[in-house]
Amino acid sequence: LNARLDPAWVQANAAPDGVHHLWPAVWNSLSHRPDVPRQLRCE
């Protein structure tokens, strides 16, 4: 998917006991990859 961070960076930098939030902004799809379902692009 297009909007993401490197999981290794997240693992190294996210507060282990942290609280995080997702705020949906738009529906996103990969027109060149019809096998991938639509996603919510979240802040």
PDB file of all heavy atoms in Angstrom:
ATOM      1  N   LEU A   1       0.844  -1.187   0.000  1.00  0.00           N
ATOM      2  CA  LEU A   1       0.000   0.000   0.000  1.00  0.00           C
ATOM      3  C   LEU A   1       0.886   1.246   0.000  1.00  0.00           C
ATOM      4  O   LEU A   1       2.008   1.230   0.494  1.00  0.00           O
ATOM      5  CB  LEU A   1      -0.947  -0.018   1.202  1.00  0.00           C
ATOM      6  CG  LEU A   1      -1.851  -1.251   1.299  1.00  0.00           C
ATOM      7  CD1 LEU A   1      -2.760  -1.154   2.514  1.00  0.00           C
ATOM      8  CD2 LEU A   1      -2.649  -1.459   0.026  1.00  0.00           C
ATOM      9  N   ASN A   2       0.363   2.328  -0.543  1.00  0.00           N
ATOM     10  CA  ASN A   2       1.167   3.529  -0.756  1.00  0.00           C
ATOM     11  C   ASN A   2       1.486   4.293   0.517  1.00  0.00           C
ATOM     12  O   ASN A   2       2.595   4.782   0.687  1.00  0.00           O
ATOM     13  CB  ASN A   2       0.465   4.466  -1.736  1.00  0.00           C
ATOM     14  CG  ASN A   2       0.381   3.880  -3.116  1.00  0.00           C
ATOM     15  OD1 ASN A   2       1.201   3.060  -3.504  1.00  0.00           O
ATOM     16  ND2 ASN A   2      -0.611   4.292  -3.872  1.00  0.00           N
ATOM     17  N   ALA A   3       0.522   4.479   1.386  1.00  0.00           N
ATOM     18  CA  ALA A   3       0.703   5.311   2.577  1.00  0.00           C
ATOM     19  C   ALA A   3       1.018   4.422   3.769  1.00  0.00           C
ATOM     20  O   ALA A   3       0.131   3.782   4.342  1.00  0.00           O
ATOM     21  CB  ALA A   3      -0.533   6.156   2.835  1.00  0.00           C
ATOM     22  N   ARG A   4       2.292   4.405   4.124  1.00  0.00           N
ATOM     23  CA  ARG A   4       2.736   3.578   5.250  1.00  0.00           C
ATOM     24  C   ARG A   4       4.142   3.991   5.630  1.00  0.00           C
ATOM     25  O   ARG A   4       4.831   4.661   4.880  1.00  0.00           O
ATOM     26  CB  ARG A   4       2.707   2.107   4.885  1.00  0.00           C
ATOM     27  CG  ARG A   4       3.614   1.792   3.702  1.00  0.00           C
ATOM     28  CD  ARG A   4       3.522   0.333   3.277  1.00  0.00           C
ATOM     29  NE  ARG A   4       4.018   0.110   1.955  1.00  0.00           N
ATOM     30  CZ  ARG A   4       5.304   0.041   1.616  1.00  0.00           C
ATOM     31  NH1 ARG A   4       6.222   0.206   2.537  1.00  0.00           N
ATOM     32  NH2 ARG A   4       5.676  -0.178   0.386  1.00  0.00           N
ATOM     33  N   LEU A   5       4.533   3.579   6.809  1.00  0.00           N
ATOM     34  CA  LEU A   5       5.903   3.769   7.268  1.00  0.00           C
ATOM     35  C   LEU A   5       6.611   2.422   7.238  1.00  0.00           C
ATOM     36  O   LEU A   5       5.965   1.369   7.220  1.00  0.00           O
ATOM     37  CB  LEU A   5       5.910   4.324   8.696  1.00  0.00           C
ATOM     38  CG  LEU A   5       5.331   5.719   8.878  1.00  0.00           C
ATOM     39  CD1 LEU A   5       5.113   6.022  10.362  1.00  0.00           C
ATOM     40  CD2 LEU A   5       6.232   6.766   8.239  1.00  0.00           C
ATOM     41  N   ASP A   6       7.914   2.454   7.302  1.00  0.00           N
ATOM     42  CA  ASP A   6       8.693   1.225   7.381  1.00  0.00           C
ATOM     43  C   ASP A   6       8.413   0.591   8.750  1.00  0.00           C
ATOM     44  O   ASP A   6       8.622   1.238   9.784  1.00  0.00           O
ATOM     45  CB  ASP A   6      10.173   1.566   7.233  1.00  0.00           C
ATOM     46  CG  ASP A   6      11.093   0.367   7.356  1.00  0.00           C
ATOM     47  OD1 ASP A   6      10.623  -0.752   7.650  1.00  0.00           O
ATOM     48  OD2 ASP A   6      12.305   0.551   7.158  1.00  0.00           O
ATOM     49  N   PRO A   7       7.927  -0.658   8.771  1.00  0.00           N
ATOM     50  CA  PRO A   7       7.627  -1.290  10.064  1.00  0.00           C
ATOM     51  C   PRO A   7       8.819  -1.315  11.024  1.00  0.00           C
ATOM     52  O   PRO A   7       8.634  -1.189  12.233  1.00  0.00           O
ATOM     53  CB  PRO A   7       7.196  -2.712   9.684  1.00  0.00           C
ATOM     54  CG  PRO A   7       6.668  -2.574   8.289  1.00  0.00           C
ATOM     55  CD  PRO A   7       7.526  -1.510   7.648  1.00  0.00           C
ATOM     56  N   ALA A   8      10.028  -1.444  10.502  1.00  0.00           N
ATOM     57  CA  ALA A   8      11.210  -1.442  11.372  1.00  0.00           C
ATOM     58  C   ALA A   8      11.372  -0.075  12.046  1.00  0.00           C
ATOM     59  O   ALA A   8      11.736   0.001  13.227  1.00  0.00           O
ATOM     60  CB  ALA A   8      12.466  -1.802  10.577  1.00  0.00           C
ATOM     61  N   TRP A   9      11.096   1.002  11.308  1.00  0.00           N
ATOM     62  CA  TRP A   9      11.183   2.341  11.888  1.00  0.00           C
ATOM     63  C   TRP A   9      10.118   2.513  12.969  1.00  0.00           C
ATOM     64  O   TRP A   9      10.383   3.067  14.039  1.00  0.00           O
ATOM     65  CB  TRP A   9      11.026   3.417  10.801  1.00  0.00           C
ATOM     66  CG  TRP A   9      11.288   4.783  11.324  1.00  0.00           C
ATOM     67  CD1 TRP A   9      12.488   5.424  11.378  1.00  0.00           C
ATOM     68  CD2 TRP A   9      10.328   5.686  11.904  1.00  0.00           C
ATOM     69  NE1 TRP A   9      12.336   6.667  11.962  1.00  0.00           N
ATOM     70  CE2 TRP A   9      11.023   6.848  12.293  1.00  0.00           C
ATOM     71  CE3 TRP A   9       8.960   5.620  12.122  1.00  0.00           C
ATOM     72  CZ2 TRP A   9      10.380   7.934  12.887  1.00  0.00           C
ATOM     73  CZ3 TRP A   9       8.331   6.700  12.727  1.00  0.00           C
ATOM     74  CH2 TRP A   9       9.042   7.848  13.101  1.00  0.00           C
ATOM     75  N   VAL A  10       8.909   2.028  12.691  1.00  0.00           N
ATOM     76  CA  VAL A  10       7.823   2.122  13.669  1.00  0.00           C
ATOM     77  C   VAL A  10       8.199   1.351  14.933  1.00  0.00           C
ATOM     78  O   VAL A  10       8.048   1.860  16.043  1.00  0.00           O
ATOM     79  CB  VAL A  10       6.492   1.610  13.074  1.00  0.00           C
ATOM     80  CG1 VAL A  10       5.407   1.532  14.137  1.00  0.00           C
ATOM     81  CG2 VAL A  10       6.053   2.501  11.918  1.00  0.00           C
ATOM     82  N   GLN A  11       8.702   0.147  14.756  1.00  0.00           N
ATOM     83  CA  GLN A  11       9.095  -0.681  15.902  1.00  0.00           C
ATOM     84  C   GLN A  11      10.167   0.020  16.737  1.00  0.00           C
ATOM     85  O   GLN A  11      10.126  -0.001  17.960  1.00  0.00           O
ATOM     86  CB  GLN A  11       9.626  -2.030  15.400  1.00  0.00           C
ATOM     87  CG  GLN A  11       9.929  -3.023  16.482  1.00  0.00           C
ATOM     88  CD  GLN A  11       8.697  -3.751  16.961  1.00  0.00           C
ATOM     89  OE1 GLN A  11       7.735  -3.894  16.238  1.00  0.00           O
ATOM     90  NE2 GLN A  11       8.718  -4.212  18.186  1.00  0.00           N
ATOM     91  N   ALA A  12      11.110   0.684  16.082  1.00  0.00           N
ATOM     92  CA  ALA A  12      12.220   1.339  16.778  1.00  0.00           C
ATOM     93  C   ALA A  12      11.808   2.653  17.432  1.00  0.00           C
ATOM     94  O   ALA A  12      12.415   3.059  18.424  1.00  0.00           O
ATOM     95  CB  ALA A  12      13.368   1.593  15.802  1.00  0.00           C
ATOM     96  N   ASN A  13      10.794   3.332  16.895  1.00  0.00           N
ATOM     97  CA  ASN A  13      10.492   4.695  17.345  1.00  0.00           C
ATOM     98  C   ASN A  13       9.168   4.881  18.073  1.00  0.00           C
ATOM     99  O   ASN A  13       9.019   5.857  18.811  1.00  0.00           O
ATOM    100  CB  ASN A  13      10.550   5.652  16.150  1.00  0.00           C
ATOM    101  CG  ASN A  13      11.965   5.845  15.677  1.00  0.00           C
ATOM    102  OD1 ASN A  13      12.735   6.560  16.288  1.00  0.00           O
ATOM    103  ND2 ASN A  13      12.323   5.163  14.596  1.00  0.00           N
ATOM    104  N   ALA A  14       8.211   4.008  17.873  1.00  0.00           N
ATOM    105  CA  ALA A  14       6.917   4.151  18.556  1.00  0.00           C
ATOM    106  C   ALA A  14       7.085   3.869  20.043  1.00  0.00           C
ATOM    107  O   ALA A  14       7.821   2.956  20.435  1.00  0.00           O
ATOM    108  CB  ALA A  14       5.884   3.206  17.955  1.00  0.00           C
ATOM    109  N   ALA A  15       6.417   4.660  20.857  1.00  0.00           N
ATOM    110  CA  ALA A  15       6.433   4.421  22.300  1.00  0.00           C
ATOM    111  C   ALA A  15       5.819   3.048  22.567  1.00  0.00           C
ATOM    112  O   ALA A  15       4.701   2.781  22.126  1.00  0.00           O
ATOM    113  CB  ALA A  15       5.644   5.509  23.016  1.00  0.00           C
ATOM    114  N   PRO A  16       6.534   2.155  23.245  1.00  0.00           N
ATOM    115  CA  PRO A  16       6.017   0.797  23.449  1.00  0.00           C
ATOM    116  C   PRO A  16       4.626   0.761  24.085  1.00  0.00           C
ATOM    117  O   PRO A  16       3.805  -0.063  23.722  1.00  0.00           O
ATOM    118  CB  PRO A  16       7.057   0.149  24.366  1.00  0.00           C
ATOM    119  CG  PRO A  16       8.293   0.949  24.161  1.00  0.00           C
ATOM    120  CD  PRO A  16       7.843   2.343  23.838  1.00  0.00           C
ATOM    121  N   ASP A  17       4.380   1.653  25.028  1.00  0.00           N
ATOM    122  CA  ASP A  17       3.069   1.719  25.679  1.00  0.00           C
ATOM    123  C   ASP A  17       2.269   2.915  25.188  1.00  0.00           C
ATOM    124  O   ASP A  17       1.351   3.368  25.871  1.00  0.00           O
ATOM    125  CB  ASP A  17       3.234   1.802  27.200  1.00  0.00           C
ATOM    126  CG  ASP A  17       3.892   0.557  27.770  1.00  0.00           C
ATOM    127  OD1 ASP A  17       3.658  -0.538  27.224  1.00  0.00           O
ATOM    128  OD2 ASP A  17       4.658   0.680  28.746  1.00  0.00           O
ATOM    129  N   GLY A  18       2.629   3.416  24.013  1.00  0.00           N
ATOM    130  CA  GLY A  18       2.004   4.624  23.480  1.00  0.00           C
ATOM    131  C   GLY A  18       0.587   4.415  22.987  1.00  0.00           C
ATOM    132  O   GLY A  18       0.166   3.310  22.676  1.00  0.00           O
ATOM    133  N   VAL A  19      -0.117   5.522  22.934  1.00  0.00           N
ATOM    134  CA  VAL A  19      -1.458   5.561  22.364  1.00  0.00           C
ATOM    135  C   VAL A  19      -1.348   6.325  21.054  1.00  0.00           C
ATOM    136  O   VAL A  19      -0.754   7.405  21.006  1.00  0.00           O
ATOM    137  CB  VAL A  19      -2.454   6.253  23.320  1.00  0.00           C
ATOM    138  CG1 VAL A  19      -3.812   6.404  22.670  1.00  0.00           C
ATOM    139  CG2 VAL A  19      -2.548   5.474  24.621  1.00  0.00           C
ATOM    140  N   HIS A  20      -1.896   5.757  20.003  1.00  0.00           N
ATOM    141  CA  HIS A  20      -1.827   6.335  18.668  1.00  0.00           C
ATOM    142  C   HIS A  20      -3.253   6.467  18.142  1.00  0.00           C
ATOM    143  O   HIS A  20      -4.161   5.789  18.640  1.00  0.00           O
ATOM    144  CB  HIS A  20      -0.991   5.453  17.751  1.00  0.00           C
ATOM    145  CG  HIS A  20       0.254   4.935  18.407  1.00  0.00           C
ATOM    146  ND1 HIS A  20       1.377   5.713  18.606  1.00  0.00           N
ATOM    147  CD2 HIS A  20       0.532   3.729  18.954  1.00  0.00           C
ATOM    148  CE1 HIS A  20       2.308   4.990  19.229  1.00  0.00           C
ATOM    149  NE2 HIS A  20       1.811   3.788  19.461  1.00  0.00           N
ATOM    150  N   HIS A  21      -3.451   7.321  17.142  1.00  0.00           N
ATOM    151  CA  HIS A  21      -4.799   7.557  16.627  1.00  0.00           C
ATOM    152  C   HIS A  21      -4.822   7.508  15.102  1.00  0.00           C
ATOM    153  O   HIS A  21      -3.866   7.954  14.455  1.00  0.00           O
ATOM    154  CB  HIS A  21      -5.312   8.929  17.087  1.00  0.00           C
ATOM    155  CG  HIS A  21      -5.481   9.019  18.562  1.00  0.00           C
ATOM    156  ND1 HIS A  21      -4.458   9.394  19.404  1.00  0.00           N
ATOM    157  CD2 HIS A  21      -6.548   8.776  19.348  1.00  0.00           C
ATOM    158  CE1 HIS A  21      -4.904   9.374  20.654  1.00  0.00           C
ATOM    159  NE2 HIS A  21      -6.155   9.006  20.652  1.00  0.00           N
ATOM    160  N   LEU A  22      -5.910   6.991  14.566  1.00  0.00           N
ATOM    161  CA  LEU A  22      -6.161   6.971  13.124  1.00  0.00           C
ATOM    162  C   LEU A  22      -7.406   7.788  12.835  1.00  0.00           C
ATOM    163  O   LEU A  22      -8.455   7.565  13.447  1.00  0.00           O
ATOM    164  CB  LEU A  22      -6.381   5.534  12.631  1.00  0.00           C
ATOM    165  CG  LEU A  22      -5.185   4.598  12.678  1.00  0.00           C
ATOM    166  CD1 LEU A  22      -5.623   3.174  12.335  1.00  0.00           C
ATOM    167  CD2 LEU A  22      -4.091   5.063  11.733  1.00  0.00           C
ATOM    168  N   TRP A  23      -7.289   8.704  11.892  1.00  0.00           N
ATOM    169  CA  TRP A  23      -8.395   9.564  11.496  1.00  0.00           C
ATOM    170  C   TRP A  23      -8.591   9.368   9.998  1.00  0.00           C
ATOM    171  O   TRP A  23      -7.769   9.831   9.204  1.00  0.00           O
ATOM    172  CB  TRP A  23      -8.044  11.013  11.805  1.00  0.00           C
ATOM    173  CG  TRP A  23      -9.136  12.001  11.600  1.00  0.00           C
ATOM    174  CD1 TRP A  23      -9.917  12.164  10.483  1.00  0.00           C
ATOM    175  CD2 TRP A  23      -9.574  12.991  12.526  1.00  0.00           C
ATOM    176  NE1 TRP A  23     -10.797  13.189  10.669  1.00  0.00           N
ATOM    177  CE2 TRP A  23     -10.605  13.714  11.916  1.00  0.00           C
ATOM    178  CE3 TRP A  23      -9.175  13.338  13.805  1.00  0.00           C
ATOM    179  CZ2 TRP A  23     -11.251  14.771  12.549  1.00  0.00           C
ATOM    180  CZ3 TRP A  23      -9.823  14.390  14.426  1.00  0.00           C
ATOM    181  CH2 TRP A  23     -10.849  15.088  13.808  1.00  0.00           C
ATOM    182  N   PRO A  24      -9.650   8.697   9.563  1.00  0.00           N
ATOM    183  CA  PRO A  24      -9.848   8.433   8.129  1.00  0.00           C
ATOM    184  C   PRO A  24     -10.003   9.729   7.333  1.00  0.00           C
ATOM    185  O   PRO A  24     -10.711  10.637   7.752  1.00  0.00           O
ATOM    186  CB  PRO A  24     -11.139   7.626   8.070  1.00  0.00           C
ATOM    187  CG  PRO A  24     -11.415   7.193   9.455  1.00  0.00           C
ATOM    188  CD  PRO A  24     -10.722   8.148  10.373  1.00  0.00           C
ATOM    189  N   ALA A  25      -9.315   9.797   6.195  1.00  0.00           N
ATOM    190  CA  ALA A  25      -9.363  11.001   5.361  1.00  0.00           C
ATOM    191  C   ALA A  25     -10.091  10.746   4.039  1.00  0.00           C
ATOM    192  O   ALA A  25     -10.992  11.500   3.681  1.00  0.00           O
ATOM    193  CB  ALA A  25      -7.953  11.507   5.092  1.00  0.00           C
ATOM    194  N   VAL A  26      -9.692   9.710   3.323  1.00  0.00           N
ATOM    195  CA  VAL A  26     -10.285   9.410   2.009  1.00  0.00           C
ATOM    196  C   VAL A  26     -10.232   7.908   1.750  1.00  0.00           C
ATOM    197  O   VAL A  26      -9.453   7.189   2.370  1.00  0.00           O
ATOM    198  CB  VAL A  26      -9.541  10.130   0.848  1.00  0.00           C
ATOM    199  CG1 VAL A  26      -9.628  11.637   0.969  1.00  0.00           C
ATOM    200  CG2 VAL A  26      -8.095   9.691   0.758  1.00  0.00           C
ATOM    201  N   TRP A  27     -11.055   7.475   0.800  1.00  0.00           N
ATOM    202  CA  TRP A  27     -10.924   6.122   0.270  1.00  0.00           C
ATOM    203  C   TRP A  27      -9.800   6.141  -0.737  1.00  0.00           C
ATOM    204  O   TRP A  27      -9.636   7.096  -1.491  1.00  0.00           O
ATOM    205  CB  TRP A  27     -12.216   5.664  -0.410  1.00  0.00           C
ATOM    206  CG  TRP A  27     -13.305   5.312   0.550  1.00  0.00           C
ATOM    207  CD1 TRP A  27     -14.434   6.026   0.797  1.00  0.00           C
ATOM    208  CD2 TRP A  27     -13.374   4.157   1.381  1.00  0.00           C
ATOM    209  NE1 TRP A  27     -15.191   5.391   1.745  1.00  0.00           N
ATOM    210  CE2 TRP A  27     -14.569   4.241   2.114  1.00  0.00           C
ATOM    211  CE3 TRP A  27     -12.533   3.057   1.573  1.00  0.00           C
ATOM    212  CZ2 TRP A  27     -14.959   3.264   3.027  1.00  0.00           C
ATOM    213  CZ3 TRP A  27     -12.915   2.090   2.484  1.00  0.00           C
ATOM    214  CH2 TRP A  27     -14.112   2.201   3.201  1.00  0.00           C
ATOM    215  N   ASN A  28      -9.008   5.094  -0.759  1.00  0.00           N
ATOM    216  CA  ASN A  28      -7.909   4.982  -1.705  1.00  0.00           C
ATOM    217  C   ASN A  28      -7.972   3.627  -2.384  1.00  0.00           C
ATOM    218  O   ASN A  28      -8.385   2.639  -1.781  1.00  0.00           O
ATOM    219  CB  ASN A  28      -6.564   5.119  -0.969  1.00  0.00           C
ATOM    220  CG  ASN A  28      -5.392   5.126  -1.903  1.00  0.00           C
ATOM    221  OD1 ASN A  28      -5.313   5.969  -2.788  1.00  0.00           O
ATOM    222  ND2 ASN A  28      -4.482   4.192  -1.727  1.00  0.00           N
ATOM    223  N   SER A  29      -7.597   3.594  -3.639  1.00  0.00           N
ATOM    224  CA  SER A  29      -7.501   2.319  -4.335  1.00  0.00           C
ATOM    225  C   SER A  29      -6.300   2.360  -5.269  1.00  0.00           C
ATOM    226  O   SER A  29      -5.809   3.427  -5.626  1.00  0.00           O
ATOM    227  CB  SER A  29      -8.778   2.018  -5.119  1.00  0.00           C
ATOM    228  OG  SER A  29      -8.974   2.992  -6.121  1.00  0.00           O
ATOM    229  N   LEU A  30      -5.837   1.183  -5.621  1.00  0.00           N
ATOM    230  CA  LEU A  30      -4.697   1.055  -6.524  1.00  0.00           C
ATOM    231  C   LEU A  30      -5.250   0.573  -7.869  1.00  0.00           C
ATOM    232  O   LEU A  30      -5.424  -0.620  -8.073  1.00  0.00           O
ATOM    233  CB  LEU A  30      -3.677   0.071  -5.957  1.00  0.00           C
ATOM    234  CG  LEU A  30      -3.162   0.379  -4.552  1.00  0.00           C
ATOM    235  CD1 LEU A  30      -2.257  -0.732  -4.049  1.00  0.00           C
ATOM    236  CD2 LEU A  30      -2.453   1.708  -4.518  1.00  0.00           C
ATOM    237  N   SER A  31      -5.535   1.504  -8.759  1.00  0.00           N
ATOM    238  CA  SER A  31      -6.172   1.149 -10.035  1.00  0.00           C
ATOM    239  C   SER A  31      -5.309   0.197 -10.864  1.00  0.00           C
ATOM    240  O   SER A  31      -5.833  -0.617 -11.618  1.00  0.00           O
ATOM    241  CB  SER A  31      -6.506   2.404 -10.837  1.00  0.00           C
ATOM    242  OG  SER A  31      -5.333   3.153 -11.067  1.00  0.00           O
ATOM    243  N   HIS A  32      -4.022   0.260 -10.693  1.00  0.00           N
ATOM    244  CA  HIS A  32      -3.118  -0.622 -11.432  1.00  0.00           C
ATOM    245  C   HIS A  32      -2.991  -2.005 -10.776  1.00  0.00           C
ATOM    246  O   HIS A  32      -2.362  -2.896 -11.335  1.00  0.00           O
ATOM    247  CB  HIS A  32      -1.734   0.028 -11.554  1.00  0.00           C
ATOM    248  CG  HIS A  32      -1.048   0.234 -10.245  1.00  0.00           C
ATOM    249  ND1 HIS A  32      -1.455   1.190  -9.335  1.00  0.00           N
ATOM    250  CD2 HIS A  32       0.008  -0.397  -9.683  1.00  0.00           C
ATOM    251  CE1 HIS A  32      -0.672   1.136  -8.267  1.00  0.00           C
ATOM    252  NE2 HIS A  32       0.211   0.186  -8.451  1.00  0.00           N
ATOM    253  N   ARG A  33      -3.616  -2.152  -9.608  1.00  0.00           N
ATOM    254  CA  ARG A  33      -3.589  -3.441  -8.902  1.00  0.00           C
ATOM    255  C   ARG A  33      -4.994  -3.775  -8.412  1.00  0.00           C
ATOM    256  O   ARG A  33      -5.312  -3.628  -7.239  1.00  0.00           O
ATOM    257  CB  ARG A  33      -2.623  -3.367  -7.719  1.00  0.00           C
ATOM    258  CG  ARG A  33      -1.174  -3.209  -8.171  1.00  0.00           C
ATOM    259  CD  ARG A  33      -0.199  -3.218  -7.037  1.00  0.00           C
ATOM    260  NE  ARG A  33      -0.381  -4.354  -6.141  1.00  0.00           N
ATOM    261  CZ  ARG A  33      -0.090  -4.304  -4.843  1.00  0.00           C
ATOM    262  NH1 ARG A  33       0.387  -3.214  -4.297  1.00  0.00           N
ATOM    263  NH2 ARG A  33      -0.267  -5.360  -4.083  1.00  0.00           N
ATOM    264  N   PRO A  34      -5.859  -4.256  -9.319  1.00  0.00           N
ATOM    265  CA  PRO A  34      -7.240  -4.542  -8.933  1.00  0.00           C
ATOM    266  C   PRO A  34      -7.378  -5.657  -7.894  1.00  0.00           C
ATOM    267  O   PRO A  34      -8.432  -5.793  -7.276  1.00  0.00           O
ATOM    268  CB  PRO A  34      -7.912  -4.922 -10.252  1.00  0.00           C
ATOM    269  CG  PRO A  34      -6.804  -5.262 -11.185  1.00  0.00           C
ATOM    270  CD  PRO A  34      -5.588  -4.526 -10.720  1.00  0.00           C
ATOM    271  N   ASP A  35      -6.323  -6.433  -7.656  1.00  0.00           N
ATOM    272  CA  ASP A  35      -6.359  -7.495  -6.652  1.00  0.00           C
ATOM    273  C   ASP A  35      -6.300  -6.958  -5.226  1.00  0.00           C
ATOM    274  O   ASP A  35      -6.626  -7.662  -4.277  1.00  0.00           O
ATOM    275  CB  ASP A  35      -5.198  -8.475  -6.878  1.00  0.00           C
ATOM    276  CG  ASP A  35      -3.837  -7.785  -6.839  1.00  0.00           C
ATOM    277  OD1 ASP A  35      -3.683  -6.750  -7.523  1.00  0.00           O
ATOM    278  OD2 ASP A  35      -2.929  -8.274  -6.137  1.00  0.00           O
ATOM    279  N   VAL A  36      -5.900  -5.702  -5.074  1.00  0.00           N
ATOM    280  CA  VAL A  36      -5.792  -5.092  -3.744  1.00  0.00           C
ATOM    281  C   VAL A  36      -7.080  -4.325  -3.456  1.00  0.00           C
ATOM    282  O   VAL A  36      -7.465  -3.442  -4.214  1.00  0.00           O
ATOM    283  CB  VAL A  36      -4.577  -4.138  -3.663  1.00  0.00           C
ATOM    284  CG1 VAL A  36      -4.513  -3.470  -2.300  1.00  0.00           C
ATOM    285  CG2 VAL A  36      -3.287  -4.894  -3.953  1.00  0.00           C
ATOM    286  N   PRO A  37      -7.764  -4.662  -2.375  1.00  0.00           N
ATOM    287  CA  PRO A  37      -9.025  -3.972  -2.061  1.00  0.00           C
ATOM    288  C   PRO A  37      -8.818  -2.501  -1.720  1.00  0.00           C
ATOM    289  O   PRO A  37      -7.707  -2.079  -1.378  1.00  0.00           O
ATOM    290  CB  PRO A  37      -9.572  -4.743  -0.854  1.00  0.00           C
ATOM    291  CG  PRO A  37      -8.425  -5.509  -0.301  1.00  0.00           C
ATOM    292  CD  PRO A  37      -7.406  -5.664  -1.388  1.00  0.00           C
ATOM    293  N   ARG A  38      -9.906  -1.749  -1.805  1.00  0.00           N
ATOM    294  CA  ARG A  38      -9.864  -0.327  -1.420  1.00  0.00           C
ATOM    295  C   ARG A  38      -9.448  -0.209   0.036  1.00  0.00           C
ATOM    296  O   ARG A  38      -9.722  -1.085   0.845  1.00  0.00           O
ATOM    297  CB  ARG A  38     -11.239   0.318  -1.614  1.00  0.00           C
ATOM    298  CG  ARG A  38     -11.590   0.511  -3.073  1.00  0.00           C
ATOM    299  CD  ARG A  38     -12.981   1.073  -3.221  1.00  0.00           C
ATOM    300  NE  ARG A  38     -13.096   2.417  -2.688  1.00  0.00           N
ATOM    301  CZ  ARG A  38     -12.865   3.534  -3.365  1.00  0.00           C
ATOM    302  NH1 ARG A  38     -12.475   3.465  -4.599  1.00  0.00           N
ATOM    303  NH2 ARG A  38     -13.018   4.711  -2.806  1.00  0.00           N
ATOM    304  N   GLN A  39      -8.805   0.895   0.334  1.00  0.00           N
ATOM    305  CA  GLN A  39      -8.338   1.132   1.692  1.00  0.00           C
ATOM    306  C   GLN A  39      -8.804   2.502   2.145  1.00  0.00           C
ATOM    307  O   GLN A  39      -9.108   3.367   1.332  1.00  0.00           O
ATOM    308  CB  GLN A  39      -6.804   1.142   1.774  1.00  0.00           C
ATOM    309  CG  GLN A  39      -6.070   0.114   0.986  1.00  0.00           C
ATOM    310  CD  GLN A  39      -5.584   0.678  -0.337  1.00  0.00           C
ATOM    311  OE1 GLN A  39      -4.981   1.732  -0.398  1.00  0.00           O
ATOM    312  NE2 GLN A  39      -5.844  -0.040  -1.414  1.00  0.00           N
ATOM    313  N   LEU A  40      -8.805   2.657   3.441  1.00  0.00           N
ATOM    314  CA  LEU A  40      -8.996   3.976   4.038  1.00  0.00           C
ATOM    315  C   LEU A  40      -7.622   4.592   4.212  1.00  0.00           C
ATOM    316  O   LEU A  40      -6.741   3.990   4.841  1.00  0.00           O
ATOM    317  CB  LEU A  40      -9.672   3.862   5.403  1.00  0.00           C
ATOM    318  CG  LEU A  40     -11.153   3.579   5.385  1.00  0.00           C
ATOM    319  CD1 LEU A  40     -11.618   3.133   6.760  1.00  0.00           C
ATOM    320  CD2 LEU A  40     -11.900   4.819   4.941  1.00  0.00           C
ATOM    321  N   ARG A  41      -7.422   5.752   3.635  1.00  0.00           N
ATOM    322  CA  ARG A  41      -6.177   6.481   3.897  1.00  0.00           C
ATOM    323  C   ARG A  41      -6.443   7.312   5.143  1.00  0.00           C
ATOM    324  O   ARG A  41      -7.273   8.204   5.153  1.00  0.00           O
ATOM    325  CB  ARG A  41      -5.793   7.358   2.719  1.00  0.00           C
ATOM    326  CG  ARG A  41      -4.542   8.162   3.033  1.00  0.00           C
ATOM    327  CD  ARG A  41      -3.692   8.469   1.863  1.00  0.00           C
ATOM    328  NE  ARG A  41      -3.218   7.269   1.201  1.00  0.00           N
ATOM    329  CZ  ARG A  41      -2.781   7.263  -0.052  1.00  0.00           C
ATOM    330  NH1 ARG A  41      -2.745   8.369  -0.749  1.00  0.00           N
ATOM    331  NH2 ARG A  41      -2.361   6.136  -0.603  1.00  0.00           N
ATOM    332  N   CYS A  42      -5.722   6.968   6.196  1.00  0.00           N
ATOM    333  CA  CYS A  42      -5.926   7.616   7.488  1.00  0.00           C
ATOM    334  C   CYS A  42      -4.741   8.500   7.838  1.00  0.00           C
ATOM    335  O   CYS A  42      -3.597   8.169   7.538  1.00  0.00           O
ATOM    336  CB  CYS A  42      -6.061   6.562   8.585  1.00  0.00           C
ATOM    337  SG  CYS A  42      -7.457   5.453   8.393  1.00  0.00           S
ATOM    338  N   GLU A  43      -5.048   9.608   8.508  1.00  0.00           N
ATOM    339  CA  GLU A  43      -3.995  10.367   9.156  1.00  0.00           C
ATOM    340  C   GLU A  43      -3.636   9.595  10.416  1.00  0.00           C
ATOM    341  O   GLU A  43      -4.512   9.129  11.140  1.00  0.00           O
ATOM    342  CB  GLU A  43      -4.475  11.765   9.518  1.00  0.00           C
ATOM    343  CG  GLU A  43      -4.671  12.665   8.323  1.00  0.00           C
ATOM    344  CD  GLU A  43      -5.052  14.062   8.758  1.00  0.00           C
ATOM    345  OE1 GLU A  43      -4.154  14.863   9.081  1.00  0.00           O
ATOM    346  OE2 GLU A  43      -6.270  14.326   8.790  1.00  0.00           O
TER     347      GLU A  43
END
